[in-house]
Amino acid sequence: MGVSPRAALTVLFAVALAGCPGGGTGGAGAVGPGTAGKPAGGGKPAGGTGSGGGTRSAAEVTSGGLPVDGAACPTSGCVFHAGAGAYFTCLASGAGACFHFGARCAPVDACMYEPTAKAYRRCDEPVEGTCPRHGAACQPASACAFNPADGLHHTCEAWSDGACTRWGALCAP
């Protein structure tokens, strides 16, 4: 009995993702409570305490000693969930919406959507995906922003005081 091509591709894909930090879940770049936008694990390189003199390129991903050169690991975004009023890791999205949310997070650039102002404001001390005290207006690093009019994510083509004044096409949050 032979192995189907579909099963072989599934196994190949799983092995490739296993080489990604966090097993392909975006775990290496995740941020959360107490991280203040720093990568999980304190940003320290993974590895043992051996005395080897080898180096690895930034493009090389390893997992359990299995190098995967040039692996394109999926990344998870940190997006605003209007119903919860907080930011969560987006594990799957399409057509301007995240439809599978993960753990709470904080955007790396500390620019968070404030529902009451309907604008983006800086947050220096996020707590569990929320901001207890917003600061000055900001523009998120990603051009993909939350549009309160339809609850979807669109590109923003013009900003004023932290609010988008001209919305573009739907984008992947």
Protein backbone atom coordinates (compact mmCIF):
# COMPACT_ATOMS: atom_id res chain seq x y z
CA MET A 1 0.00 0.00 0.00
CA GLY A 2 1.56 3.33 -1.10
CA VAL A 3 1.47 6.79 0.40
CA SER A 4 -0.84 9.26 -1.31
CA PRO A 5 0.73 12.44 -2.73
CA ARG A 6 -1.54 14.51 -0.47
CA ALA A 7 -0.31 12.72 2.66
CA ALA A 8 3.31 13.16 1.56
CA LEU A 9 2.79 16.91 1.01
CA THR A 10 1.09 17.24 4.40
CA VAL A 11 4.03 15.58 6.13
CA LEU A 12 6.52 17.75 4.19
CA PHE A 13 4.64 20.92 5.17
CA ALA A 14 4.48 19.86 8.83
CA VAL A 15 8.23 19.17 8.89
CA ALA A 16 8.94 22.57 7.32
CA LEU A 17 6.73 24.34 9.89
CA ALA A 18 8.39 22.44 12.71
CA GLY A 19 11.53 24.39 11.88
CA CYS A 20 9.74 27.68 12.56
CA PRO A 21 10.08 29.33 15.94
CA GLY A 22 7.05 28.29 17.98
CA GLY A 23 6.26 25.47 15.56
CA GLY A 24 4.92 27.88 12.94
CA THR A 25 2.57 29.67 15.33
CA GLY A 26 4.49 32.93 15.42
CA GLY A 27 5.53 32.21 19.00
CA ALA A 28 9.02 33.64 18.71
CA GLY A 29 7.76 37.12 17.99
CA ALA A 30 4.77 37.05 20.28
CA VAL A 31 4.26 39.79 22.74
CA GLY A 32 2.08 39.75 25.76
CA PRO A 33 1.67 40.94 29.30
CA GLY A 34 4.87 42.17 30.83
CA THR A 35 6.84 41.96 27.59
CA ALA A 36 6.49 45.65 26.70
CA GLY A 37 6.65 44.75 23.01
CA LYS A 38 9.75 42.59 23.36
CA PRO A 39 9.91 39.13 21.79
CA ALA A 40 8.94 36.23 24.03
CA GLY A 41 11.96 34.74 25.74
CA GLY A 42 13.56 38.14 26.20
CA GLY A 43 14.90 38.22 22.65
CA LYS A 44 17.79 35.92 23.54
CA PRO A 45 19.00 33.52 20.88
CA ALA A 46 17.93 29.92 21.29
CA GLY A 47 20.51 27.24 21.73
CA GLY A 48 22.61 25.41 24.24
CA THR A 49 25.68 26.41 26.17
CA GLY A 50 28.13 24.43 24.07
CA SER A 51 31.50 25.75 23.02
CA GLY A 52 31.07 25.29 19.25
CA GLY A 53 32.38 28.03 17.00
CA GLY A 54 29.68 27.78 14.28
CA THR A 55 27.26 30.51 13.37
CA ARG A 56 23.83 30.46 11.77
CA SER A 57 22.47 32.94 9.28
CA ALA A 58 19.35 34.92 10.15
CA ALA A 59 17.49 33.17 7.32
CA GLU A 60 18.19 29.71 8.73
CA VAL A 61 15.51 28.38 11.04
CA THR A 62 16.13 25.45 13.34
CA SER A 63 13.99 23.21 15.47
CA GLY A 64 15.36 20.27 17.38
CA GLY A 65 18.57 20.47 15.38
CA LEU A 66 16.72 20.36 12.02
CA PRO A 67 17.84 23.34 9.91
CA VAL A 68 15.40 24.61 7.32
CA ASP A 69 17.25 27.07 5.08
CA GLY A 70 15.08 29.81 3.62
CA ALA A 71 11.93 28.62 5.39
CA ALA A 72 9.08 31.06 5.13
CA CYS A 73 7.49 30.77 8.55
CA PRO A 74 3.97 32.11 8.92
CA THR A 75 3.67 35.06 11.25
CA SER A 76 0.70 35.98 13.37
CA GLY A 77 -0.48 39.55 13.62
CA CYS A 78 -1.71 41.27 16.74
CA VAL A 79 -5.13 42.71 15.87
CA PHE A 80 -7.94 44.60 17.57
CA HIS A 81 -11.08 42.58 18.39
CA ALA A 82 -13.98 45.05 18.52
CA GLY A 83 -16.30 42.74 20.49
CA ALA A 84 -13.76 42.18 23.26
CA GLY A 85 -12.23 45.67 23.08
CA ALA A 86 -8.76 44.13 23.21
CA TYR A 87 -5.88 42.94 21.02
CA PHE A 88 -5.41 39.26 20.21
CA THR A 89 -3.04 37.22 18.07
CA CYS A 90 -4.69 36.58 14.70
CA LEU A 91 -4.09 33.00 13.63
CA ALA A 92 -6.15 33.08 10.42
CA SER A 93 -7.64 35.96 8.46
CA GLY A 94 -9.12 36.97 5.14
CA ALA A 95 -11.22 39.70 3.52
CA GLY A 96 -10.35 42.25 6.19
CA ALA A 97 -11.32 40.10 9.17
CA CYS A 98 -9.55 37.82 11.60
CA PHE A 99 -11.62 34.68 12.06
CA HIS A 100 -9.39 32.69 14.41
CA PHE A 101 -8.02 34.51 17.45
CA GLY A 102 -5.31 33.31 19.81
CA ALA A 103 -3.84 34.76 22.99
CA ARG A 104 -4.04 38.40 24.00
CA CYS A 105 -1.15 40.53 22.78
CA ALA A 106 0.06 44.10 22.30
CA PRO A 107 1.23 45.60 18.99
CA VAL A 108 5.03 45.84 18.82
CA ASP A 109 4.86 49.54 17.93
CA ALA A 110 2.61 50.28 20.99
CA CYS A 111 0.08 52.05 18.76
CA MET A 112 -3.35 50.74 19.80
CA TYR A 113 -6.89 51.47 18.61
CA GLU A 114 -8.99 53.33 21.19
CA PRO A 115 -12.70 52.63 20.57
CA THR A 116 -14.04 55.68 22.44
CA ALA A 117 -11.90 58.08 20.38
CA LYS A 118 -12.21 55.96 17.20
CA ALA A 119 -8.51 56.60 16.69
CA TYR A 120 -5.10 55.10 17.35
CA ARG A 121 -3.25 56.22 20.47
CA ARG A 122 0.13 55.33 21.93
CA CYS A 123 0.11 52.90 24.87
CA ASP A 124 3.29 52.62 26.91
CA GLU A 125 1.98 50.03 29.38
CA PRO A 126 -0.44 47.57 27.72
CA VAL A 127 -2.17 45.07 30.00
CA GLU A 128 -3.58 41.82 28.59
CA GLY A 129 -4.24 43.29 25.13
CA THR A 130 -5.80 46.50 26.46
CA CYS A 131 -4.50 49.94 27.32
CA PRO A 132 -5.54 51.36 30.68
CA ARG A 133 -4.19 54.82 29.79
CA HIS A 134 -3.76 56.04 26.22
CA GLY A 135 -1.28 58.70 25.23
CA ALA A 136 -0.78 60.84 22.15
CA ALA A 137 -2.16 60.05 18.70
CA CYS A 138 -0.10 57.66 16.60
CA GLN A 139 -0.13 55.91 13.27
CA PRO A 140 0.29 52.10 13.36
CA ALA A 141 3.36 50.69 11.62
CA SER A 142 1.11 48.50 9.49
CA ALA A 143 -0.91 50.24 6.80
CA CYS A 144 -3.72 47.79 7.63
CA ALA A 145 -5.99 49.44 10.22
CA PHE A 146 -9.31 48.71 11.97
CA ASN A 147 -12.25 50.59 10.43
CA PRO A 148 -14.99 51.12 13.05
CA ALA A 149 -17.59 51.86 10.34
CA ASP A 150 -17.71 48.24 9.14
CA GLY A 151 -15.60 46.41 11.76
CA LEU A 152 -13.10 45.23 9.13
CA HIS A 153 -9.46 46.00 8.41
CA HIS A 154 -8.65 48.28 5.49
CA THR A 155 -5.55 50.02 4.22
CA CYS A 156 -5.49 53.62 5.38
CA GLU A 157 -4.49 56.10 2.72
CA ALA A 158 -4.58 59.27 4.88
CA TRP A 159 -4.19 59.88 8.63
CA SER A 160 -5.10 62.79 10.90
CA ASP A 161 -4.62 62.81 14.68
CA GLY A 162 -4.51 59.01 14.90
CA ALA A 163 -7.67 58.51 12.84
CA CYS A 164 -7.89 57.32 9.26
CA THR A 165 -9.53 59.94 7.06
CA ARG A 166 -9.44 57.98 3.78
CA TRP A 167 -9.96 54.23 3.74
CA GLY A 168 -8.65 51.94 1.01
CA ALA A 169 -9.17 48.29 0.13
CA LEU A 170 -9.67 45.45 2.58
CA CYS A 171 -6.41 44.01 3.90
CA ALA A 172 -5.28 41.02 5.95
CA PRO A 173 -5.01 42.02 9.60
